[in-house]
């Protein structure tokens, strides 16, 4: 793996950490409801899936993505619900941060 890709993946893992309620409220719609339960679609997995730039149908990409993780795939509906729970501000801040770091 190239250094730039390694740095980008490290940034993805560390940004944001979402440990405080203020961070959760900034990036998640209704943070007291979303991304609170144990689920195969964690916040980081949802973001990683979105950032991988889907080329095939969503169902096929979800199957491939979770297959590579050794997990059962989730439905398109479950993914869409999780995606809607992430505020656009997260992607704006993530991309601004990635541009600054690289």
Protein backbone atom coordinates (compact mmCIF):
# COMPACT_ATOMS: atom_id res chain seq x y z
CA UNK A 1 0.00 0.00 0.00
CA UNK A 2 1.26 3.46 -0.76
CA UNK A 3 2.02 5.89 2.01
CA UNK A 4 -0.73 8.28 0.94
CA UNK A 5 -3.35 5.53 1.02
CA UNK A 6 -2.11 4.34 4.40
CA UNK A 7 -2.34 7.89 5.76
CA UNK A 8 -5.84 8.30 4.32
CA UNK A 9 -7.05 5.06 5.92
CA UNK A 10 -5.53 6.14 9.24
CA UNK A 11 -7.38 9.46 8.94
CA UNK A 12 -10.63 7.61 8.23
CA UNK A 13 -10.16 5.45 11.34
CA UNK A 14 -9.38 8.39 13.59
CA UNK A 15 -11.84 11.01 12.31
CA UNK A 16 -14.06 11.58 14.14
CA UNK A 17 -13.98 9.52 17.24
CA UNK A 18 -17.61 10.45 18.22
CA UNK A 19 -17.08 9.82 21.91
CA UNK A 20 -18.77 12.98 23.15
CA UNK A 21 -22.43 13.86 22.77
CA UNK A 22 -21.47 17.15 21.09
CA UNK A 23 -19.51 15.31 18.37
CA UNK A 24 -22.37 12.86 17.84
CA UNK A 25 -24.89 15.73 17.56
CA UNK A 26 -22.65 17.51 15.05
CA UNK A 27 -22.44 14.54 12.65
CA UNK A 28 -25.46 12.30 13.36
CA UNK A 29 -29.15 13.07 12.97
CA UNK A 30 -30.91 12.25 16.25
CA UNK A 31 -27.74 10.91 17.93
CA UNK A 32 -29.68 9.43 20.83
CA UNK A 33 -31.36 7.03 18.34
CA UNK A 34 -28.89 6.33 15.54
CA UNK A 35 -25.66 4.31 15.73
CA UNK A 36 -26.30 3.36 19.35
CA UNK A 37 -27.07 -0.36 19.06
CA UNK A 38 -24.69 -3.13 18.12
CA UNK A 39 -25.09 -3.53 14.37
CA UNK A 40 -23.01 -4.72 11.42
CA UNK A 41 -23.49 -1.21 9.99
CA UNK A 42 -21.46 0.85 12.42
CA UNK A 43 -20.82 4.53 11.74
CA UNK A 44 -17.30 3.79 10.43
CA UNK A 45 -18.42 0.91 8.21
CA UNK A 46 -21.22 3.01 6.75
CA UNK A 47 -18.80 5.84 5.97
CA UNK A 48 -16.20 3.43 4.56
CA UNK A 49 -18.81 1.91 2.27
CA UNK A 50 -19.93 5.33 1.04
CA UNK A 51 -16.35 6.43 0.40
CA UNK A 52 -15.45 3.37 -1.63
CA UNK A 53 -17.42 4.79 -4.58
CA UNK A 54 -19.88 2.08 -5.52
CA UNK A 55 -19.53 0.81 -9.09
CA UNK A 56 -22.04 -2.06 -9.16
CA UNK A 57 -25.54 -2.22 -7.76
CA UNK A 58 -25.80 -1.34 -4.09
CA UNK A 59 -26.91 -4.87 -3.17
CA UNK A 60 -23.91 -6.46 -4.91
CA UNK A 61 -21.48 -3.94 -3.40
CA UNK A 62 -22.91 -4.50 0.11
CA UNK A 63 -22.55 -8.26 -0.38
CA UNK A 64 -18.92 -7.86 -1.52
CA UNK A 65 -18.09 -5.32 1.21
CA UNK A 66 -19.43 -7.42 4.08
CA UNK A 67 -18.10 -10.61 2.52
CA UNK A 68 -14.61 -9.12 2.66
CA UNK A 69 -15.19 -8.45 6.37
CA UNK A 70 -16.38 -12.01 6.95
CA UNK A 71 -19.88 -10.86 7.90
CA UNK A 72 -23.35 -11.44 6.53
CA UNK A 73 -24.44 -8.65 4.17
CA UNK A 74 -27.02 -6.08 5.20
CA UNK A 75 -29.98 -4.99 3.11
CA UNK A 76 -30.07 -1.92 0.89
CA UNK A 77 -32.83 -0.57 3.10
CA UNK A 78 -30.70 -0.88 6.24
CA UNK A 79 -27.83 0.88 4.49
CA UNK A 80 -30.10 3.68 3.23
CA UNK A 81 -31.46 4.25 6.73
CA UNK A 82 -27.95 4.49 8.16
CA UNK A 83 -26.78 6.77 5.37
CA UNK A 84 -29.64 9.21 6.03
CA UNK A 85 -28.62 9.38 9.70
CA UNK A 86 -25.22 10.90 8.81
CA UNK A 87 -25.26 14.65 8.46
CA UNK A 88 -23.64 16.21 5.34
CA UNK A 89 -21.41 18.18 7.72
CA UNK A 90 -19.47 14.98 8.43
CA UNK A 91 -18.45 14.55 4.80
CA UNK A 92 -17.65 18.24 4.42
CA UNK A 93 -15.41 18.21 7.49
CA UNK A 94 -13.84 14.88 6.56
CA UNK A 95 -12.93 16.04 3.06
CA UNK A 96 -11.64 19.41 4.31
CA UNK A 97 -9.49 17.56 6.83
CA UNK A 98 -8.20 15.10 4.22
CA UNK A 99 -7.26 17.98 1.89
CA UNK A 100 -5.38 19.72 4.71
CA UNK A 101 -3.51 16.54 5.64
CA UNK A 102 -2.57 15.67 2.10
